[in-house]
């Protein structure tokens, strides 16, 4: 049986990055892992993931959830360090 952890490992993102996509898209984590894998293969997919995580950070800050915003910011920093093609 394939687990969520297997799917996350296969998709090319960390668990925190996948969870940010799930939060942004309001989908289960397993669907977010599949979405991540597809987005990373698309021409502007890295940019889309970047925008999702930034949107999640802004939403957390608007609700006053600084702890979650900080966790998302750490995920964003990791994402950008591992996907430098986003940097122009």
PDB file of N, CA and C in Angstrom:
ATOM      1  N   UNK A   1       0.838  -1.179   0.000  1.00  0.00           N
ATOM      2  CA  UNK A   1       0.000   0.000   0.000  1.00  0.00           C
ATOM      3  C   UNK A   1       0.885   1.245   0.000  1.00  0.00           C
ATOM      4  N   UNK A   2       0.546   2.198  -0.817  1.00  0.00           N
ATOM      5  CA  UNK A   2       1.291   3.454  -0.893  1.00  0.00           C
ATOM      6  C   UNK A   2       0.736   4.400   0.163  1.00  0.00           C
ATOM      7  N   UNK A   3       1.644   4.989   0.933  1.00  0.00           N
ATOM      8  CA  UNK A   3       1.237   5.891   2.006  1.00  0.00           C
ATOM      9  C   UNK A   3       1.352   7.347   1.561  1.00  0.00           C
ATOM     10  N   UNK A   4       0.809   8.229   2.372  1.00  0.00           N
ATOM     11  CA  UNK A   4       0.956   9.664   2.127  1.00  0.00           C
ATOM     12  C   UNK A   4       2.433  10.034   2.100  1.00  0.00           C
ATOM     13  N   UNK A   5       3.203   9.467   3.012  1.00  0.00           N
ATOM     14  CA  UNK A   5       4.638   9.759   3.062  1.00  0.00           C
ATOM     15  C   UNK A   5       5.335   9.341   1.771  1.00  0.00           C
ATOM     16  N   UNK A   6       4.927   8.209   1.207  1.00  0.00           N
ATOM     17  CA  UNK A   6       5.475   7.760  -0.076  1.00  0.00           C
ATOM     18  C   UNK A   6       5.169   8.772  -1.171  1.00  0.00           C
ATOM     19  N   UNK A   7       3.931   9.234  -1.205  1.00  0.00           N
ATOM     20  CA  UNK A   7       3.510  10.189  -2.231  1.00  0.00           C
ATOM     21  C   UNK A   7       4.254  11.510  -2.087  1.00  0.00           C
ATOM     22  N   UNK A   8       4.438  11.953  -0.852  1.00  0.00           N
ATOM     23  CA  UNK A   8       5.180  13.196  -0.626  1.00  0.00           C
ATOM     24  C   UNK A   8       6.623  13.024  -1.076  1.00  0.00           C
ATOM     25  N   UNK A   9       7.240  11.907  -0.740  1.00  0.00           N
ATOM     26  CA  UNK A   9       8.620  11.651  -1.156  1.00  0.00           C
ATOM     27  C   UNK A   9       8.738  11.616  -2.682  1.00  0.00           C
ATOM     28  N   UNK A  10       7.741  11.086  -3.330  1.00  0.00           N
ATOM     29  CA  UNK A  10       7.755  10.967  -4.789  1.00  0.00           C
ATOM     30  C   UNK A  10       7.532  12.312  -5.487  1.00  0.00           C
ATOM     31  N   UNK A  11       6.794  13.217  -4.873  1.00  0.00           N
ATOM     32  CA  UNK A  11       6.364  14.430  -5.575  1.00  0.00           C
ATOM     33  C   UNK A  11       7.450  15.489  -5.734  1.00  0.00           C
ATOM     34  N   UNK A  12       8.504  15.423  -4.936  1.00  0.00           N
ATOM     35  CA  UNK A  12       9.584  16.390  -5.095  1.00  0.00           C
ATOM     36  C   UNK A  12       9.526  17.578  -4.156  1.00  0.00           C
ATOM     37  N   UNK A  13       8.576  17.582  -3.233  1.00  0.00           N
ATOM     38  CA  UNK A  13       8.478  18.658  -2.242  1.00  0.00           C
ATOM     39  C   UNK A  13       8.539  18.060  -0.847  1.00  0.00           C
ATOM     40  N   UNK A  14       8.727  18.928   0.139  1.00  0.00           N
ATOM     41  CA  UNK A  14       8.702  18.475   1.528  1.00  0.00           C
ATOM     42  C   UNK A  14       7.259  18.365   2.002  1.00  0.00           C
ATOM     43  N   UNK A  15       7.102  17.747   3.154  1.00  0.00           N
ATOM     44  CA  UNK A  15       5.768  17.634   3.735  1.00  0.00           C
ATOM     45  C   UNK A  15       5.167  19.012   3.986  1.00  0.00           C
ATOM     46  N   UNK A  16       5.975  19.949   4.505  1.00  0.00           N
ATOM     47  CA  UNK A  16       5.470  21.300   4.793  1.00  0.00           C
ATOM     48  C   UNK A  16       5.010  22.000   3.519  1.00  0.00           C
ATOM     49  N   UNK A  17       5.750  21.807   2.430  1.00  0.00           N
ATOM     50  CA  UNK A  17       5.377  22.434   1.159  1.00  0.00           C
ATOM     51  C   UNK A  17       4.083  21.828   0.619  1.00  0.00           C
ATOM     52  N   UNK A  18       3.951  20.519   0.730  1.00  0.00           N
ATOM     53  CA  UNK A  18       2.723  19.847   0.289  1.00  0.00           C
ATOM     54  C   UNK A  18       1.539  20.302   1.145  1.00  0.00           C
ATOM     55  N   UNK A  19       1.757  20.424   2.450  1.00  0.00           N
ATOM     56  CA  UNK A  19       0.676  20.862   3.338  1.00  0.00           C
ATOM     57  C   UNK A  19       0.235  22.289   2.994  1.00  0.00           C
ATOM     58  N   UNK A  20       1.172  23.130   2.586  1.00  0.00           N
ATOM     59  CA  UNK A  20       0.820  24.497   2.180  1.00  0.00           C
ATOM     60  C   UNK A  20      -0.057  24.472   0.931  1.00  0.00           C
ATOM     61  N   UNK A  21       0.249  23.591  -0.009  1.00  0.00           N
ATOM     62  CA  UNK A  21      -0.586  23.461  -1.213  1.00  0.00           C
ATOM     63  C   UNK A  21      -1.975  22.949  -0.820  1.00  0.00           C
ATOM     64  N   UNK A  22      -2.020  21.957   0.051  1.00  0.00           N
ATOM     65  CA  UNK A  22      -3.312  21.415   0.499  1.00  0.00           C
ATOM     66  C   UNK A  22      -4.149  22.505   1.156  1.00  0.00           C
ATOM     67  N   UNK A  23      -3.501  23.318   1.984  1.00  0.00           N
ATOM     68  CA  UNK A  23      -4.203  24.417   2.664  1.00  0.00           C
ATOM     69  C   UNK A  23      -4.732  25.423   1.639  1.00  0.00           C
ATOM     70  N   UNK A  24      -3.884  25.781   0.707  1.00  0.00           N
ATOM     71  CA  UNK A  24      -4.257  26.794  -0.282  1.00  0.00           C
ATOM     72  C   UNK A  24      -5.391  26.320  -1.181  1.00  0.00           C
ATOM     73  N   UNK A  25      -5.303  25.084  -1.608  1.00  0.00           N
ATOM     74  CA  UNK A  25      -6.269  24.551  -2.571  1.00  0.00           C
ATOM     75  C   UNK A  25      -7.471  23.875  -1.909  1.00  0.00           C
ATOM     76  N   UNK A  26      -7.442  23.755  -0.585  1.00  0.00           N
ATOM     77  CA  UNK A  26      -8.539  23.109   0.157  1.00  0.00           C
ATOM     78  C   UNK A  26      -8.780  21.690  -0.343  1.00  0.00           C
ATOM     79  N   UNK A  27      -7.676  20.945  -0.447  1.00  0.00           N
ATOM     80  CA  UNK A  27      -7.745  19.556  -0.895  1.00  0.00           C
ATOM     81  C   UNK A  27      -7.011  18.680   0.121  1.00  0.00           C
ATOM     82  N   UNK A  28      -7.287  17.383   0.118  1.00  0.00           N
ATOM     83  CA  UNK A  28      -6.546  16.472   0.995  1.00  0.00           C
ATOM     84  C   UNK A  28      -5.052  16.468   0.641  1.00  0.00           C
ATOM     85  N   UNK A  29      -4.246  16.114   1.606  1.00  0.00           N
ATOM     86  CA  UNK A  29      -2.793  16.122   1.417  1.00  0.00           C
ATOM     87  C   UNK A  29      -2.354  15.231   0.267  1.00  0.00           C
ATOM     88  N   UNK A  30      -3.003  14.101   0.101  1.00  0.00           N
ATOM     89  CA  UNK A  30      -2.639  13.178  -0.977  1.00  0.00           C
ATOM     90  C   UNK A  30      -2.873  13.831  -2.341  1.00  0.00           C
ATOM     91  N   UNK A  31      -3.962  14.581  -2.472  1.00  0.00           N
ATOM     92  CA  UNK A  31      -4.245  15.296  -3.716  1.00  0.00           C
ATOM     93  C   UNK A  31      -3.227  16.413  -3.922  1.00  0.00           C
ATOM     94  N   UNK A  32      -2.825  17.063  -2.837  1.00  0.00           N
ATOM     95  CA  UNK A  32      -1.828  18.132  -2.931  1.00  0.00           C
ATOM     96  C   UNK A  32      -0.480  17.577  -3.380  1.00  0.00           C
ATOM     97  N   UNK A  33      -0.128  16.380  -2.932  1.00  0.00           N
ATOM     98  CA  UNK A  33       1.129  15.757  -3.366  1.00  0.00           C
ATOM     99  C   UNK A  33       1.087  15.468  -4.864  1.00  0.00           C
ATOM    100  N   UNK A  34      -0.043  14.969  -5.343  1.00  0.00           N
ATOM    101  CA  UNK A  34      -0.188  14.716  -6.783  1.00  0.00           C
ATOM    102  C   UNK A  34      -0.142  16.023  -7.558  1.00  0.00           C
ATOM    103  N   UNK A  35      -0.795  17.042  -7.032  1.00  0.00           N
ATOM    104  CA  UNK A  35      -0.793  18.351  -7.667  1.00  0.00           C
ATOM    105  C   UNK A  35       0.624  18.916  -7.735  1.00  0.00           C
ATOM    106  N   UNK A  36       1.370  18.769  -6.643  1.00  0.00           N
ATOM    107  CA  UNK A  36       2.749  19.267  -6.593  1.00  0.00           C
ATOM    108  C   UNK A  36       3.599  18.598  -7.667  1.00  0.00           C
ATOM    109  N   UNK A  37       3.466  17.292  -7.771  1.00  0.00           N
ATOM    110  CA  UNK A  37       4.249  16.552  -8.759  1.00  0.00           C
ATOM    111  C   UNK A  37       3.948  17.045 -10.171  1.00  0.00           C
ATOM    112  N   UNK A  38       2.692  17.306 -10.456  1.00  0.00           N
ATOM    113  CA  UNK A  38       2.302  17.823 -11.771  1.00  0.00           C
ATOM    114  C   UNK A  38       2.797  19.251 -11.974  1.00  0.00           C
ATOM    115  N   UNK A  39       2.627  20.082 -10.968  1.00  0.00           N
ATOM    116  CA  UNK A  39       3.050  21.486 -11.097  1.00  0.00           C
ATOM    117  C   UNK A  39       4.549  21.603 -11.330  1.00  0.00           C
ATOM    118  N   UNK A  40       5.340  20.775 -10.670  1.00  0.00           N
ATOM    119  CA  UNK A  40       6.787  20.859 -10.835  1.00  0.00           C
ATOM    120  C   UNK A  40       7.229  20.512 -12.255  1.00  0.00           C
ATOM    121  N   UNK A  41       6.372  19.848 -13.011  1.00  0.00           N
ATOM    122  CA  UNK A  41       6.687  19.503 -14.402  1.00  0.00           C
ATOM    123  C   UNK A  41       6.200  20.560 -15.385  1.00  0.00           C
ATOM    124  N   UNK A  42       5.366  21.495 -14.911  1.00  0.00           N
ATOM    125  CA  UNK A  42       4.820  22.527 -15.791  1.00  0.00           C
ATOM    126  C   UNK A  42       5.786  23.703 -15.921  1.00  0.00           C
ATOM    127  N   UNK A  43       5.640  24.405 -17.009  1.00  0.00           N
ATOM    128  CA  UNK A  43       6.512  25.532 -17.304  1.00  0.00           C
ATOM    129  C   UNK A  43       6.530  26.570 -16.188  1.00  0.00           C
ATOM    130  N   UNK A  44       5.396  26.972 -15.685  1.00  0.00           N
ATOM    131  CA  UNK A  44       5.301  27.996 -14.635  1.00  0.00           C
ATOM    132  C   UNK A  44       4.854  27.406 -13.300  1.00  0.00           C
ATOM    133  N   UNK A  45       4.987  26.091 -13.153  1.00  0.00           N
ATOM    134  CA  UNK A  45       4.517  25.414 -11.957  1.00  0.00           C
ATOM    135  C   UNK A  45       5.209  25.856 -10.682  1.00  0.00           C
ATOM    136  N   UNK A  46       6.522  26.077 -10.747  1.00  0.00           N
ATOM    137  CA  UNK A  46       7.266  26.535  -9.565  1.00  0.00           C
ATOM    138  C   UNK A  46       6.738  27.899  -9.126  1.00  0.00           C
ATOM    139  N   UNK A  47       6.463  28.760 -10.079  1.00  0.00           N
ATOM    140  CA  UNK A  47       5.903  30.074  -9.748  1.00  0.00           C
ATOM    141  C   UNK A  47       4.533  29.933  -9.085  1.00  0.00           C
ATOM    142  N   UNK A  48       3.727  28.994  -9.573  1.00  0.00           N
ATOM    143  CA  UNK A  48       2.395  28.784  -8.989  1.00  0.00           C
ATOM    144  C   UNK A  48       2.498  28.308  -7.545  1.00  0.00           C
ATOM    145  N   UNK A  49       3.416  27.376  -7.288  1.00  0.00           N
ATOM    146  CA  UNK A  49       3.599  26.885  -5.921  1.00  0.00           C
ATOM    147  C   UNK A  49       4.085  28.019  -5.019  1.00  0.00           C
ATOM    148  N   UNK A  50       5.019  28.809  -5.516  1.00  0.00           N
ATOM    149  CA  UNK A  50       5.515  29.968  -4.761  1.00  0.00           C
ATOM    150  C   UNK A  50       4.359  30.883  -4.370  1.00  0.00           C
ATOM    151  N   UNK A  51       3.507  31.183  -5.318  1.00  0.00           N
ATOM    152  CA  UNK A  51       2.359  32.069  -5.053  1.00  0.00           C
ATOM    153  C   UNK A  51       1.393  31.458  -4.039  1.00  0.00           C
ATOM    154  N   UNK A  52       1.182  30.149  -4.116  1.00  0.00           N
ATOM    155  CA  UNK A  52       0.298  29.484  -3.155  1.00  0.00           C
ATOM    156  C   UNK A  52       0.822  29.646  -1.730  1.00  0.00           C
ATOM    157  N   UNK A  53       2.119  29.406  -1.564  1.00  0.00           N
ATOM    158  CA  UNK A  53       2.697  29.500  -0.216  1.00  0.00           C
ATOM    159  C   UNK A  53       2.648  30.936   0.285  1.00  0.00           C
ATOM    160  N   UNK A  54       2.947  31.894  -0.576  1.00  0.00           N
ATOM    161  CA  UNK A  54       2.870  33.309  -0.183  1.00  0.00           C
ATOM    162  C   UNK A  54       1.439  33.675   0.196  1.00  0.00           C
ATOM    163  N   UNK A  55       0.464  33.214  -0.574  1.00  0.00           N
ATOM    164  CA  UNK A  55      -0.950  33.472  -0.245  1.00  0.00           C
ATOM    165  C   UNK A  55      -1.297  32.894   1.128  1.00  0.00           C
ATOM    166  N   UNK A  56      -0.805  31.683   1.410  1.00  0.00           N
ATOM    167  CA  UNK A  56      -1.062  31.063   2.708  1.00  0.00           C
ATOM    168  C   UNK A  56      -0.451  31.883   3.844  1.00  0.00           C
ATOM    169  N   UNK A  57       0.758  32.403   3.624  1.00  0.00           N
ATOM    170  CA  UNK A  57       1.413  33.240   4.643  1.00  0.00           C
ATOM    171  C   UNK A  57       0.575  34.480   4.908  1.00  0.00           C
ATOM    172  N   UNK A  58       0.140  35.124   3.845  1.00  0.00           N
ATOM    173  CA  UNK A  58      -0.690  36.337   3.999  1.00  0.00           C
ATOM    174  C   UNK A  58      -1.990  36.030   4.740  1.00  0.00           C
ATOM    175  N   UNK A  59      -2.613  34.907   4.414  1.00  0.00           N
ATOM    176  CA  UNK A  59      -3.869  34.534   5.085  1.00  0.00           C
ATOM    177  C   UNK A  59      -3.627  34.288   6.574  1.00  0.00           C
ATOM    178  N   UNK A  60      -2.541  33.617   6.892  1.00  0.00           N
ATOM    179  CA  UNK A  60      -2.221  33.354   8.301  1.00  0.00           C
ATOM    180  C   UNK A  60      -1.981  34.664   9.052  1.00  0.00           C
ATOM    181  N   UNK A  61      -1.281  35.592   8.424  1.00  0.00           N
ATOM    182  CA  UNK A  61      -1.025  36.883   9.070  1.00  0.00           C
ATOM    183  C   UNK A  61      -2.316  37.676   9.250  1.00  0.00           C
ATOM    184  N   UNK A  62      -3.205  37.621   8.258  1.00  0.00           N
ATOM    185  CA  UNK A  62      -4.490  38.323   8.375  1.00  0.00           C
ATOM    186  C   UNK A  62      -5.321  37.795   9.542  1.00  0.00           C
ATOM    187  N   UNK A  63      -5.223  36.486   9.795  1.00  0.00           N
ATOM    188  CA  UNK A  63      -5.983  35.926  10.922  1.00  0.00           C
ATOM    189  C   UNK A  63      -5.219  36.032  12.238  1.00  0.00           C
ATOM    190  N   UNK A  64      -4.019  36.608  12.183  1.00  0.00           N
ATOM    191  CA  UNK A  64      -3.235  36.784  13.397  1.00  0.00           C
ATOM    192  C   UNK A  64      -2.506  35.530  13.854  1.00  0.00           C
ATOM    193  N   UNK A  65      -2.359  34.564  12.978  1.00  0.00           N
ATOM    194  CA  UNK A  65      -1.697  33.298  13.316  1.00  0.00           C
ATOM    195  C   UNK A  65      -0.214  33.397  12.941  1.00  0.00           C
ATOM    196  N   UNK A  66       0.536  34.078  13.792  1.00  0.00           N
ATOM    197  CA  UNK A  66       1.957  34.314  13.505  1.00  0.00           C
ATOM    198  C   UNK A  66       2.769  33.028  13.513  1.00  0.00           C
ATOM    199  N   UNK A  67       2.400  32.088  14.374  1.00  0.00           N
ATOM    200  CA  UNK A  67       3.127  30.812  14.434  1.00  0.00           C
ATOM    201  C   UNK A  67       3.010  30.067  13.103  1.00  0.00           C
ATOM    202  N   UNK A  68       1.801  29.979  12.576  1.00  0.00           N
ATOM    203  CA  UNK A  68       1.609  29.282  11.299  1.00  0.00           C
ATOM    204  C   UNK A  68       2.281  30.048  10.163  1.00  0.00           C
ATOM    205  N   UNK A  69       2.194  31.368  10.199  1.00  0.00           N
ATOM    206  CA  UNK A  69       2.869  32.178   9.174  1.00  0.00           C
ATOM    207  C   UNK A  69       4.368  31.907   9.196  1.00  0.00           C
ATOM    208  N   UNK A  70       4.930  31.788  10.376  1.00  0.00           N
ATOM    209  CA  UNK A  70       6.360  31.502  10.507  1.00  0.00           C
ATOM    210  C   UNK A  70       6.702  30.124   9.943  1.00  0.00           C
ATOM    211  N   UNK A  71       5.854  29.134  10.210  1.00  0.00           N
ATOM    212  CA  UNK A  71       6.060  27.791   9.669  1.00  0.00           C
ATOM    213  C   UNK A  71       5.992  27.805   8.142  1.00  0.00           C
ATOM    214  N   UNK A  72       5.027  28.533   7.628  1.00  0.00           N
ATOM    215  CA  UNK A  72       4.895  28.648   6.171  1.00  0.00           C
ATOM    216  C   UNK A  72       6.074  29.388   5.561  1.00  0.00           C
ATOM    217  N   UNK A  73       6.563  30.405   6.262  1.00  0.00           N
ATOM    218  CA  UNK A  73       7.719  31.153   5.761  1.00  0.00           C
ATOM    219  C   UNK A  73       8.946  30.240   5.691  1.00  0.00           C
ATOM    220  N   UNK A  74       9.110  29.374   6.683  1.00  0.00           N
ATOM    221  CA  UNK A  74      10.214  28.407   6.659  1.00  0.00           C
ATOM    222  C   UNK A  74      10.063  27.467   5.458  1.00  0.00           C
ATOM    223  N   UNK A  75       8.834  27.042   5.190  1.00  0.00           N
ATOM    224  CA  UNK A  75       8.591  26.186   4.021  1.00  0.00           C
ATOM    225  C   UNK A  75       8.913  26.934   2.730  1.00  0.00           C
ATOM    226  N   UNK A  76       8.543  28.216   2.682  1.00  0.00           N
ATOM    227  CA  UNK A  76       8.834  29.028   1.496  1.00  0.00           C
ATOM    228  C   UNK A  76      10.338  29.174   1.292  1.00  0.00           C
ATOM    229  N   UNK A  77      11.071  29.454   2.367  1.00  0.00           N
ATOM    230  CA  UNK A  77      12.531  29.591   2.256  1.00  0.00           C
ATOM    231  C   UNK A  77      13.138  28.304   1.725  1.00  0.00           C
ATOM    232  N   UNK A  78      12.692  27.170   2.259  1.00  0.00           N
ATOM    233  CA  UNK A  78      13.218  25.888   1.781  1.00  0.00           C
ATOM    234  C   UNK A  78      12.853  25.673   0.316  1.00  0.00           C
ATOM    235  N   UNK A  79      11.610  25.965  -0.031  1.00  0.00           N
ATOM    236  CA  UNK A  79      11.168  25.798  -1.415  1.00  0.00           C
ATOM    237  C   UNK A  79      12.031  26.614  -2.371  1.00  0.00           C
ATOM    238  N   UNK A  80      12.263  27.861  -2.027  1.00  0.00           N
ATOM    239  CA  UNK A  80      13.076  28.725  -2.901  1.00  0.00           C
ATOM    240  C   UNK A  80      14.524  28.259  -2.984  1.00  0.00           C
ATOM    241  N   UNK A  81      15.043  27.711  -1.889  1.00  0.00           N
ATOM    242  CA  UNK A  81      16.432  27.236  -1.920  1.00  0.00           C
ATOM    243  C   UNK A  81      16.589  25.970  -2.750  1.00  0.00           C
ATOM    244  N   UNK A  82      15.523  25.178  -2.824  1.00  0.00           N
ATOM    245  CA  UNK A  82      15.602  23.934  -3.588  1.00  0.00           C
ATOM    246  C   UNK A  82      15.054  24.051  -5.002  1.00  0.00           C
ATOM    247  N   UNK A  83      14.434  25.181  -5.302  1.00  0.00           N
ATOM    248  CA  UNK A  83      13.897  25.422  -6.637  1.00  0.00           C
ATOM    249  C   UNK A  83      14.336  26.816  -7.102  1.00  0.00           C
ATOM    250  N   UNK A  84      15.638  26.987  -7.317  1.00  0.00           N
ATOM    251  CA  UNK A  84      16.160  28.318  -7.677  1.00  0.00           C
ATOM    252  C   UNK A  84      15.697  28.806  -9.036  1.00  0.00           C
ATOM    253  N   UNK A  85      15.105  27.946  -9.845  1.00  0.00           N
ATOM    254  CA  UNK A  85      14.619  28.374 -11.160  1.00  0.00           C
ATOM    255  C   UNK A  85      13.534  29.435 -11.029  1.00  0.00           C
ATOM    256  N   UNK A  86      12.941  29.545  -9.846  1.00  0.00           N
ATOM    257  CA  UNK A  86      11.927  30.590  -9.627  1.00  0.00           C
ATOM    258  C   UNK A  86      12.571  31.959  -9.581  1.00  0.00           C
ATOM    259  N   UNK A  87      13.799  32.027  -9.101  1.00  0.00           N
ATOM    260  CA  UNK A  87      14.473  33.324  -8.951  1.00  0.00           C
ATOM    261  C   UNK A  87      14.810  33.877 -10.328  1.00  0.00           C
ATOM    262  N   UNK A  88      14.417  35.112 -10.554  1.00  0.00           N
ATOM    263  CA  UNK A  88      14.645  35.733 -11.873  1.00  0.00           C
ATOM    264  C   UNK A  88      15.900  36.568 -11.844  1.00  0.00           C
TER     265      UNK A  88
END
